[in-house]
Amino acid sequence: MNPTIETQMLIRKPVSTVFKAFIDPEITSKFWFSRSTGPLKEGKIVQWSWDKYQVSSKVMVFNIIENKLIQITWGEPKTSVDFIFEEISPEQTYLKIRNYDISLQGSELIQFIIDATGGFTTVLDGLKAYLEHGIELKLVEDKFPPF
């Protein structure tokens, strides 16, 4: 079994704006992680950190097609993630996040699917609020205790 987790959201902003929000850590830190060691660049490794939780993850960037696709591996266990950007109109982007190559089984796999689906949905919700309305909801920061 090789499951694929997929979340998606329509973002009412140009594809270049949505794409840049994942490349540029100054923007990404407004809706996902606290900080990064640098922007995403093909063939590079960066580290994303969530300060509240005192955790970080190394992110290997495999492929970037401007305004279309970002492919990374990250996490424990290491999994693959694709960010797929589709221009619906000049002011609308449909973003899909696919998480796959998950090397777990049984109850560990089920828990991973639940956590990853919820996590990426939270990221998309925060992205939408930030890009469309300029609001930093701090959804990831507020998801788990301690408060």
N, C-alpha and C. Protein backbone atom coordinates (compact mmCIF):
# COMPACT_ATOMS: atom_id res chain seq x y z
N MET A 1 0.85 -1.18 0.00
CA MET A 1 0.00 0.00 0.00
C MET A 1 0.89 1.24 0.00
N ASN A 2 0.64 2.14 -0.91
CA ASN A 2 1.39 3.38 -0.99
C ASN A 2 0.40 4.55 -1.04
N PRO A 3 -0.11 4.96 0.11
CA PRO A 3 -1.13 6.01 0.12
C PRO A 3 -0.56 7.37 -0.25
N THR A 4 -1.45 8.19 -0.78
CA THR A 4 -1.14 9.58 -1.06
C THR A 4 -2.16 10.45 -0.34
N ILE A 5 -1.66 11.39 0.43
CA ILE A 5 -2.51 12.35 1.12
C ILE A 5 -2.61 13.57 0.22
N GLU A 6 -3.81 14.10 0.05
CA GLU A 6 -3.95 15.30 -0.78
C GLU A 6 -4.89 16.28 -0.11
N THR A 7 -4.45 17.52 -0.05
CA THR A 7 -5.29 18.63 0.39
C THR A 7 -5.25 19.69 -0.71
N GLN A 8 -6.25 20.53 -0.76
CA GLN A 8 -6.32 21.52 -1.82
C GLN A 8 -7.14 22.72 -1.39
N MET A 9 -6.89 23.84 -2.07
CA MET A 9 -7.63 25.06 -1.74
C MET A 9 -7.52 26.04 -2.91
N LEU A 10 -8.62 26.73 -3.19
CA LEU A 10 -8.59 27.85 -4.13
C LEU A 10 -8.12 29.08 -3.36
N ILE A 11 -7.09 29.73 -3.89
CA ILE A 11 -6.56 30.96 -3.31
C ILE A 11 -6.83 32.08 -4.31
N ARG A 12 -7.50 33.11 -3.88
CA ARG A 12 -7.86 34.20 -4.78
C ARG A 12 -6.73 35.22 -4.88
N LYS A 13 -5.63 34.74 -5.44
CA LYS A 13 -4.46 35.56 -5.73
C LYS A 13 -3.78 34.97 -6.96
N PRO A 14 -2.98 35.78 -7.69
CA PRO A 14 -2.27 35.27 -8.87
C PRO A 14 -1.34 34.12 -8.51
N VAL A 15 -1.14 33.22 -9.43
CA VAL A 15 -0.30 32.05 -9.20
C VAL A 15 1.11 32.45 -8.76
N SER A 16 1.65 33.53 -9.31
CA SER A 16 3.00 33.95 -8.92
C SER A 16 3.06 34.35 -7.44
N THR A 17 2.00 34.94 -6.92
CA THR A 17 1.94 35.34 -5.52
C THR A 17 1.87 34.10 -4.61
N VAL A 18 1.05 33.14 -4.99
CA VAL A 18 0.89 31.92 -4.19
C VAL A 18 2.18 31.11 -4.22
N PHE A 19 2.79 31.00 -5.39
CA PHE A 19 4.06 30.26 -5.54
C PHE A 19 5.15 30.90 -4.66
N LYS A 20 5.27 32.22 -4.74
CA LYS A 20 6.29 32.93 -3.97
C LYS A 20 6.08 32.75 -2.47
N ALA A 21 4.83 32.58 -2.05
CA ALA A 21 4.55 32.40 -0.62
C ALA A 21 5.20 31.14 -0.06
N PHE A 22 5.47 30.14 -0.90
CA PHE A 22 6.14 28.93 -0.45
C PHE A 22 7.65 28.98 -0.68
N ILE A 23 8.11 29.75 -1.63
CA ILE A 23 9.55 29.88 -1.92
C ILE A 23 10.24 30.79 -0.90
N ASP A 24 9.58 31.89 -0.57
CA ASP A 24 10.17 32.95 0.26
C ASP A 24 9.80 32.75 1.73
N PRO A 25 10.77 32.39 2.59
CA PRO A 25 10.44 32.12 3.99
C PRO A 25 9.92 33.34 4.75
N GLU A 26 10.20 34.55 4.28
CA GLU A 26 9.65 35.74 4.93
C GLU A 26 8.12 35.73 4.83
N ILE A 27 7.60 35.16 3.75
CA ILE A 27 6.15 35.05 3.58
C ILE A 27 5.64 33.78 4.26
N THR A 28 6.31 32.66 4.02
CA THR A 28 5.84 31.37 4.56
C THR A 28 5.74 31.41 6.07
N SER A 29 6.64 32.15 6.71
CA SER A 29 6.61 32.22 8.18
C SER A 29 5.38 32.96 8.71
N LYS A 30 4.63 33.59 7.84
CA LYS A 30 3.41 34.28 8.26
C LYS A 30 2.25 33.29 8.42
N PHE A 31 2.37 32.08 7.85
CA PHE A 31 1.26 31.13 7.93
C PHE A 31 1.68 29.69 8.22
N TRP A 32 3.01 29.38 8.31
CA TRP A 32 3.38 27.98 8.51
C TRP A 32 4.45 27.83 9.59
N PHE A 33 5.72 27.92 9.21
CA PHE A 33 6.79 27.72 10.19
C PHE A 33 7.25 29.06 10.75
N SER A 34 8.07 29.00 11.83
CA SER A 34 8.56 30.23 12.46
C SER A 34 9.71 30.84 11.69
N ARG A 35 10.61 29.98 11.20
CA ARG A 35 11.78 30.49 10.46
C ARG A 35 12.37 29.40 9.59
N SER A 36 13.23 29.83 8.68
CA SER A 36 13.89 28.94 7.73
C SER A 36 15.33 29.41 7.54
N THR A 37 16.19 28.49 7.16
CA THR A 37 17.58 28.87 6.89
C THR A 37 17.74 29.50 5.51
N GLY A 38 16.69 29.56 4.73
CA GLY A 38 16.78 30.23 3.43
C GLY A 38 15.59 29.91 2.54
N PRO A 39 15.55 30.54 1.37
CA PRO A 39 14.48 30.28 0.42
C PRO A 39 14.64 28.89 -0.20
N LEU A 40 13.55 28.39 -0.75
CA LEU A 40 13.60 27.11 -1.45
C LEU A 40 14.27 27.31 -2.81
N LYS A 41 15.29 26.49 -3.06
CA LYS A 41 16.00 26.49 -4.34
C LYS A 41 16.26 25.04 -4.72
N GLU A 42 16.06 24.74 -5.97
CA GLU A 42 16.25 23.37 -6.45
C GLU A 42 17.64 22.85 -6.11
N GLY A 43 17.70 21.64 -5.55
CA GLY A 43 18.96 21.02 -5.19
C GLY A 43 19.51 21.43 -3.84
N LYS A 44 18.83 22.30 -3.14
CA LYS A 44 19.32 22.80 -1.84
C LYS A 44 18.57 22.13 -0.68
N ILE A 45 19.21 22.17 0.48
CA ILE A 45 18.60 21.72 1.72
C ILE A 45 18.44 22.94 2.63
N VAL A 46 17.25 23.12 3.16
CA VAL A 46 16.99 24.18 4.13
C VAL A 46 16.42 23.54 5.39
N GLN A 47 16.41 24.29 6.45
CA GLN A 47 15.81 23.80 7.68
C GLN A 47 14.67 24.71 8.08
N TRP A 48 13.51 24.12 8.29
CA TRP A 48 12.36 24.85 8.78
C TRP A 48 12.22 24.60 10.27
N SER A 49 11.90 25.64 11.05
CA SER A 49 11.76 25.51 12.49
C SER A 49 10.43 26.08 12.96
N TRP A 50 9.86 25.39 13.94
CA TRP A 50 8.65 25.83 14.63
C TRP A 50 9.06 26.10 16.06
N ASP A 51 9.32 27.37 16.37
CA ASP A 51 9.91 27.75 17.65
C ASP A 51 9.06 27.34 18.85
N LYS A 52 7.76 27.53 18.78
CA LYS A 52 6.89 27.20 19.92
C LYS A 52 7.05 25.74 20.31
N TYR A 53 7.18 24.87 19.33
CA TYR A 53 7.25 23.44 19.59
C TYR A 53 8.69 22.93 19.73
N GLN A 54 9.65 23.80 19.51
CA GLN A 54 11.07 23.46 19.57
C GLN A 54 11.39 22.27 18.68
N VAL A 55 10.88 22.30 17.46
CA VAL A 55 11.16 21.26 16.47
C VAL A 55 11.61 21.91 15.17
N SER A 56 12.34 21.15 14.40
CA SER A 56 12.76 21.60 13.08
C SER A 56 12.81 20.40 12.16
N SER A 57 12.86 20.68 10.87
CA SER A 57 12.91 19.62 9.87
C SER A 57 13.80 20.07 8.72
N LYS A 58 14.65 19.16 8.28
CA LYS A 58 15.45 19.42 7.08
C LYS A 58 14.57 19.15 5.86
N VAL A 59 14.66 20.05 4.90
CA VAL A 59 13.84 19.99 3.70
C VAL A 59 14.78 19.95 2.50
N MET A 60 14.71 18.88 1.72
CA MET A 60 15.50 18.76 0.49
C MET A 60 14.60 19.12 -0.68
N VAL A 61 15.03 20.10 -1.46
CA VAL A 61 14.24 20.56 -2.60
C VAL A 61 14.73 19.82 -3.85
N PHE A 62 13.85 19.03 -4.44
CA PHE A 62 14.22 18.24 -5.61
C PHE A 62 13.92 18.92 -6.93
N ASN A 63 12.79 19.59 -7.00
CA ASN A 63 12.36 20.12 -8.28
C ASN A 63 11.53 21.37 -8.06
N ILE A 64 11.81 22.38 -8.85
CA ILE A 64 11.00 23.60 -8.85
C ILE A 64 10.73 23.97 -10.30
N ILE A 65 9.46 24.08 -10.62
CA ILE A 65 9.02 24.62 -11.91
C ILE A 65 8.22 25.87 -11.57
N GLU A 66 8.76 27.02 -11.92
CA GLU A 66 8.19 28.29 -11.48
C GLU A 66 6.70 28.37 -11.77
N ASN A 67 5.96 28.74 -10.72
CA ASN A 67 4.51 28.94 -10.77
C ASN A 67 3.72 27.67 -11.07
N LYS A 68 4.39 26.50 -11.01
CA LYS A 68 3.71 25.23 -11.32
C LYS A 68 3.91 24.17 -10.24
N LEU A 69 5.17 23.99 -9.76
CA LEU A 69 5.46 22.83 -8.93
C LEU A 69 6.67 23.07 -8.02
N ILE A 70 6.55 22.61 -6.79
CA ILE A 70 7.67 22.51 -5.86
C ILE A 70 7.63 21.08 -5.32
N GLN A 71 8.75 20.35 -5.42
CA GLN A 71 8.84 18.99 -4.90
C GLN A 71 9.93 18.93 -3.84
N ILE A 72 9.56 18.41 -2.66
CA ILE A 72 10.50 18.31 -1.55
C ILE A 72 10.40 16.93 -0.91
N THR A 73 11.40 16.59 -0.09
CA THR A 73 11.27 15.53 0.90
C THR A 73 11.56 16.15 2.25
N TRP A 74 10.93 15.60 3.30
CA TRP A 74 11.12 16.15 4.63
C TRP A 74 10.53 15.22 5.66
N GLY A 75 10.76 15.50 6.93
CA GLY A 75 10.06 14.88 8.04
C GLY A 75 10.64 13.57 8.53
N GLU A 76 10.00 13.07 9.58
CA GLU A 76 10.29 11.77 10.19
C GLU A 76 8.98 11.02 10.33
N PRO A 77 8.75 9.98 9.60
CA PRO A 77 9.66 9.43 8.59
C PRO A 77 9.72 10.35 7.37
N LYS A 78 10.82 10.26 6.64
CA LYS A 78 10.99 11.10 5.45
C LYS A 78 9.91 10.74 4.43
N THR A 79 9.23 11.78 3.94
CA THR A 79 8.20 11.60 2.92
C THR A 79 8.39 12.63 1.82
N SER A 80 7.74 12.41 0.70
CA SER A 80 7.77 13.34 -0.42
C SER A 80 6.52 14.22 -0.38
N VAL A 81 6.71 15.49 -0.75
CA VAL A 81 5.59 16.42 -0.80
C VAL A 81 5.68 17.22 -2.10
N ASP A 82 4.57 17.27 -2.82
CA ASP A 82 4.46 18.10 -4.02
C ASP A 82 3.48 19.23 -3.74
N PHE A 83 3.88 20.44 -4.08
CA PHE A 83 3.01 21.60 -4.07
C PHE A 83 2.71 21.90 -5.53
N ILE A 84 1.46 21.75 -5.94
CA ILE A 84 1.08 21.87 -7.35
C ILE A 84 0.20 23.11 -7.49
N PHE A 85 0.65 24.04 -8.32
CA PHE A 85 -0.02 25.33 -8.50
C PHE A 85 -0.69 25.35 -9.87
N GLU A 86 -2.00 25.60 -9.88
CA GLU A 86 -2.74 25.67 -11.14
C GLU A 86 -3.42 27.04 -11.24
N GLU A 87 -3.08 27.76 -12.31
CA GLU A 87 -3.72 29.06 -12.53
C GLU A 87 -5.13 28.83 -13.05
N ILE A 88 -6.11 29.29 -12.30
CA ILE A 88 -7.51 29.18 -12.71
C ILE A 88 -7.90 30.41 -13.53
N SER A 89 -7.43 31.57 -13.09
CA SER A 89 -7.63 32.84 -13.79
C SER A 89 -6.47 33.73 -13.37
N PRO A 90 -6.32 34.93 -13.94
CA PRO A 90 -5.22 35.79 -13.51
C PRO A 90 -5.23 36.12 -12.02
N GLU A 91 -6.36 35.98 -11.35
CA GLU A 91 -6.46 36.31 -9.93
C GLU A 91 -6.85 35.12 -9.05
N GLN A 92 -6.76 33.90 -9.60
CA GLN A 92 -7.12 32.73 -8.81
C GLN A 92 -6.15 31.58 -9.08
N THR A 93 -5.76 30.92 -7.99
CA THR A 93 -4.84 29.78 -8.06
C THR A 93 -5.43 28.62 -7.28
N TYR A 94 -5.41 27.44 -7.88
CA TYR A 94 -5.82 26.23 -7.18
C TYR A 94 -4.55 25.52 -6.76
N LEU A 95 -4.37 25.35 -5.47
CA LEU A 95 -3.16 24.75 -4.92
C LEU A 95 -3.49 23.38 -4.34
N LYS A 96 -2.73 22.38 -4.78
CA LYS A 96 -2.84 21.02 -4.23
C LYS A 96 -1.53 20.71 -3.52
N ILE A 97 -1.64 20.07 -2.37
CA ILE A 97 -0.48 19.55 -1.67
C ILE A 97 -0.65 18.04 -1.59
N ARG A 98 0.33 17.32 -2.15
CA ARG A 98 0.32 15.86 -2.12
C ARG A 98 1.49 15.37 -1.29
N ASN A 99 1.22 14.47 -0.35
CA ASN A 99 2.23 13.88 0.52
C ASN A 99 2.21 12.37 0.27
N TYR A 100 3.37 11.79 -0.06
CA TYR A 100 3.43 10.37 -0.44
C TYR A 100 4.80 9.79 -0.09
N ASP A 101 5.05 8.56 -0.50
CA ASP A 101 6.26 7.81 -0.12
C ASP A 101 6.33 7.68 1.39
N ILE A 102 5.26 7.24 1.97
CA ILE A 102 5.13 7.11 3.42
C ILE A 102 5.46 5.67 3.80
N SER A 103 6.53 5.49 4.56
CA SER A 103 7.03 4.15 4.87
C SER A 103 6.51 3.60 6.20
N LEU A 104 5.24 3.78 6.45
CA LEU A 104 4.63 3.29 7.68
C LEU A 104 3.53 2.29 7.34
N GLN A 105 3.12 1.55 8.35
CA GLN A 105 2.04 0.58 8.17
C GLN A 105 1.13 0.59 9.37
N GLY A 106 -0.03 -0.02 9.20
CA GLY A 106 -0.97 -0.22 10.30
C GLY A 106 -1.38 1.06 10.99
N SER A 107 -1.45 1.00 12.32
CA SER A 107 -1.94 2.14 13.10
C SER A 107 -1.02 3.36 12.98
N GLU A 108 0.30 3.13 12.80
CA GLU A 108 1.21 4.27 12.61
C GLU A 108 0.89 5.00 11.32
N LEU A 109 0.57 4.27 10.25
CA LEU A 109 0.20 4.88 8.97
C LEU A 109 -1.10 5.66 9.12
N ILE A 110 -2.07 5.08 9.78
CA ILE A 110 -3.36 5.77 9.96
C ILE A 110 -3.16 7.07 10.73
N GLN A 111 -2.38 7.04 11.80
CA GLN A 111 -2.13 8.25 12.58
C GLN A 111 -1.39 9.30 11.75
N PHE A 112 -0.40 8.86 10.95
CA PHE A 112 0.34 9.78 10.08
C PHE A 112 -0.61 10.45 9.09
N ILE A 113 -1.49 9.68 8.47
CA ILE A 113 -2.45 10.22 7.50
C ILE A 113 -3.34 11.27 8.16
N ILE A 114 -3.83 10.97 9.36
CA ILE A 114 -4.68 11.93 10.08
C ILE A 114 -3.90 13.22 10.36
N ASP A 115 -2.69 13.07 10.92
CA ASP A 115 -1.89 14.24 11.29
C ASP A 115 -1.48 15.06 10.07
N ALA A 116 -1.02 14.40 9.01
CA ALA A 116 -0.55 15.12 7.82
C ALA A 116 -1.71 15.81 7.10
N THR A 117 -2.84 15.14 6.99
CA THR A 117 -4.00 15.74 6.34
C THR A 117 -4.44 16.99 7.11
N GLY A 118 -4.56 16.86 8.42
CA GLY A 118 -4.93 18.01 9.24
C GLY A 118 -3.90 19.12 9.18
N GLY A 119 -2.62 18.74 9.22
CA GLY A 119 -1.55 19.73 9.18
C GLY A 119 -1.53 20.53 7.90
N PHE A 120 -1.58 19.83 6.76
CA PHE A 120 -1.54 20.55 5.48
C PHE A 120 -2.82 21.35 5.24
N THR A 121 -3.95 20.87 5.75
CA THR A 121 -5.19 21.66 5.66
C THR A 121 -5.04 22.95 6.46
N THR A 122 -4.46 22.86 7.63
CA THR A 122 -4.22 24.05 8.45
C THR A 122 -3.30 25.03 7.73
N VAL A 123 -2.25 24.52 7.08
CA VAL A 123 -1.35 25.39 6.31
C VAL A 123 -2.11 26.11 5.21
N LEU A 124 -2.95 25.38 4.47
CA LEU A 124 -3.72 26.01 3.38
C LEU A 124 -4.70 27.05 3.92
N ASP A 125 -5.33 26.76 5.03
CA ASP A 125 -6.26 27.73 5.63
C ASP A 125 -5.52 29.01 6.03
N GLY A 126 -4.35 28.85 6.66
CA GLY A 126 -3.56 30.01 7.06
C GLY A 126 -3.06 30.80 5.86
N LEU A 127 -2.64 30.09 4.81
CA LEU A 127 -2.20 30.74 3.57
C LEU A 127 -3.32 31.58 2.97
N LYS A 128 -4.49 31.01 2.89
CA LYS A 128 -5.64 31.72 2.30
C LYS A 128 -5.95 32.99 3.09
N ALA A 129 -6.00 32.88 4.42
CA ALA A 129 -6.29 34.06 5.25
C ALA A 129 -5.22 35.13 5.07
N TYR A 130 -3.95 34.70 5.02
CA TYR A 130 -2.87 35.68 4.91
C TYR A 130 -2.85 36.35 3.53
N LEU A 131 -2.88 35.56 2.47
CA LEU A 131 -2.77 36.16 1.13
C LEU A 131 -4.03 36.93 0.73
N GLU A 132 -5.20 36.42 1.06
CA GLU A 132 -6.43 37.09 0.62
C GLU A 132 -6.83 38.25 1.52
N HIS A 133 -6.50 38.17 2.82
CA HIS A 133 -7.01 39.17 3.76
C HIS A 133 -5.94 39.84 4.62
N GLY A 134 -4.68 39.39 4.47
CA GLY A 134 -3.59 39.99 5.24
C GLY A 134 -3.64 39.65 6.73
N ILE A 135 -4.33 38.57 7.08
CA ILE A 135 -4.49 38.19 8.48
C ILE A 135 -3.55 37.03 8.81
N GLU A 136 -2.77 37.19 9.86
CA GLU A 136 -1.94 36.10 10.37
C GLU A 136 -2.73 35.40 11.47
N LEU A 137 -3.35 34.29 11.14
CA LEU A 137 -4.21 33.59 12.09
C LEU A 137 -3.44 32.78 13.13
N LYS A 138 -2.16 32.50 12.87
CA LYS A 138 -1.33 31.71 13.79
C LYS A 138 -1.95 30.34 14.05
N LEU A 139 -2.51 29.74 12.99
CA LEU A 139 -3.19 28.45 13.12
C LEU A 139 -2.23 27.34 13.53
N VAL A 140 -1.07 27.27 12.90
CA VAL A 140 -0.10 26.23 13.23
C VAL A 140 0.40 26.43 14.66
N GLU A 141 0.67 27.66 15.01
CA GLU A 141 1.17 27.98 16.35
C GLU A 141 0.15 27.62 17.44
N ASP A 142 -1.14 27.75 17.12
CA ASP A 142 -2.18 27.52 18.11
C ASP A 142 -2.78 26.12 18.06
N LYS A 143 -2.27 25.26 17.19
CA LYS A 143 -2.87 23.94 16.98
C LYS A 143 -2.68 23.01 18.16
N PHE A 144 -1.54 23.06 18.82
CA PHE A 144 -1.23 22.12 19.90
C PHE A 144 -0.84 22.87 21.18
N PRO A 145 -1.13 22.27 22.35
CA PRO A 145 -0.67 22.89 23.60
C PRO A 145 0.84 22.80 23.71
N PRO A 146 1.51 23.53 24.58
CA PRO A 146 0.88 24.36 25.61
C PRO A 146 0.50 25.72 25.04
N PHE A 147 -0.58 26.26 25.55
CA PHE A 147 -1.04 27.56 25.13
C PHE A 147 -0.47 28.60 26.04
